[in-house]
């Protein structure tokens, strides 16, 4: 059975860091672009970041640029999201998903959720 499983969420103080993992089972991630999304209570789902499968091009939402870093380790069938300088407004359920990628020239412009989505992991930033 194909699935994505997130881990690494938790409670952290403002300014702290967390590293989320998204591991695939039942299929090989190397052929897929992967995105991280988040949804907070009462708010719309937000695209956080994504990475393509071809050459590692990345895209970040404006609210996380300079603080979050996405990376993939295809040998481990895992995509990571390193989150630094966390803020209370980063509090949300974070989930990963396979995505369809859209380009603007050579830039990865947008990623839209496609076939598979994980269950999510809670990230809470609070003092």
Foldseek 3Di string as FASTA:
>chain_A
DWAWAKDWADEAAQQAKIKMKIAIPPDQCLQFKKWKWWDDPPDDIGTAKIFGNPPGAMDGDPVQPPFWDWDDDRVRRMIMIIGGRDDQVVWTWMKMATWDFDDDVPHGDDTHHDDYIHPTDTHGYHD
